[in-house]
């Protein structure tokens, strides 16, 4: 993915619209869903480098969401 794309507001609107639908879709494999949920939950729960400042937690979660949408749409073109 290009860095220019990560800074695009249009891209993030797409990601926020797609994540809930993809997480609840029966056509997306469980393994793909777990590849988003497990690292995000572990990153939020485990001790942090910057305690009480969740900015890094949110950034990692946003990057995981972006990666998840790219991965699912690439592997299942019918879900676009």
Protein backbone atom coordinates (compact mmCIF):
# COMPACT_ATOMS: atom_id res chain seq x y z
CA UNK A 1 0.00 0.00 0.00
CA UNK A 2 1.19 3.46 -0.80
CA UNK A 3 1.65 5.97 2.01
CA UNK A 4 -0.37 8.55 0.10
CA UNK A 5 -3.35 6.24 0.31
CA UNK A 6 -3.08 5.94 4.10
CA UNK A 7 -3.44 9.71 4.52
CA UNK A 8 -6.53 9.88 2.29
CA UNK A 9 -9.79 10.81 4.01
CA UNK A 10 -11.67 8.97 1.28
CA UNK A 11 -9.75 5.78 2.13
CA UNK A 12 -10.58 6.00 5.85
CA UNK A 13 -14.26 6.59 5.12
CA UNK A 14 -14.17 3.42 3.03
CA UNK A 15 -12.40 1.48 5.81
CA UNK A 16 -14.86 2.61 8.51
CA UNK A 17 -17.83 1.69 6.33
CA UNK A 18 -16.45 -1.74 5.37
CA UNK A 19 -15.07 -3.12 8.65
CA UNK A 20 -18.39 -3.82 10.44
CA UNK A 21 -19.92 -5.43 7.38
CA UNK A 22 -16.88 -7.59 6.75
CA UNK A 23 -16.64 -8.67 10.40
CA UNK A 24 -20.25 -9.87 10.40
CA UNK A 25 -20.24 -11.33 6.88
CA UNK A 26 -20.52 -15.13 6.72
CA UNK A 27 -18.51 -15.06 3.47
CA UNK A 28 -15.35 -13.81 5.22
CA UNK A 29 -13.36 -16.69 6.76
CA UNK A 30 -13.01 -16.76 10.56
CA UNK A 31 -9.24 -16.79 10.24
CA UNK A 32 -9.28 -13.42 8.49
CA UNK A 33 -11.53 -11.98 11.18
CA UNK A 34 -9.27 -13.31 13.92
CA UNK A 35 -6.24 -11.73 12.21
CA UNK A 36 -7.86 -8.36 12.92
CA UNK A 37 -9.46 -8.96 16.29
CA UNK A 38 -6.79 -10.89 18.19
CA UNK A 39 -3.86 -8.47 17.62
CA UNK A 40 -6.09 -5.44 18.25
CA UNK A 41 -7.49 -6.83 21.51
CA UNK A 42 -4.06 -7.97 22.70
CA UNK A 43 -2.56 -4.58 21.93
CA UNK A 44 -5.30 -2.80 23.89
CA UNK A 45 -5.16 -5.19 26.88
CA UNK A 46 -1.46 -5.85 27.38
CA UNK A 47 0.69 -3.36 29.28
CA UNK A 48 1.66 -0.36 27.28
CA UNK A 49 4.75 1.72 26.68
CA UNK A 50 2.66 4.87 27.19
CA UNK A 51 0.17 4.01 29.95
CA UNK A 52 -3.03 6.08 30.13
CA UNK A 53 -2.38 7.58 26.67
CA UNK A 54 -4.33 5.45 24.17
CA UNK A 55 -3.11 7.30 21.05
CA UNK A 56 -0.72 4.51 20.05
CA UNK A 57 -3.44 1.91 20.69
CA UNK A 58 -5.83 3.71 18.37
CA UNK A 59 -3.15 4.12 15.69
CA UNK A 60 -2.34 0.40 15.70
CA UNK A 61 -6.04 -0.47 15.59
CA UNK A 62 -6.60 1.87 12.62
CA UNK A 63 -3.67 0.36 10.74
CA UNK A 64 -4.99 -3.14 11.46
CA UNK A 65 -8.43 -2.13 10.18
CA UNK A 66 -6.90 -0.75 6.99
CA UNK A 67 -4.87 -3.92 6.47
CA UNK A 68 -7.93 -6.12 7.15
CA UNK A 69 -10.11 -4.35 4.56
CA UNK A 70 -7.31 -4.53 1.96
CA UNK A 71 -6.70 -8.21 2.64
CA UNK A 72 -10.35 -9.28 2.52
CA UNK A 73 -11.14 -7.26 -0.60
CA UNK A 74 -8.04 -8.61 -2.35
CA UNK A 75 -8.77 -12.24 -1.44
CA UNK A 76 -12.55 -12.03 -2.12
CA UNK A 77 -13.19 -9.66 -5.05
CA UNK A 78 -16.93 -10.43 -4.83
CA UNK A 79 -17.09 -8.58 -1.48
CA UNK A 80 -16.08 -5.20 -2.94
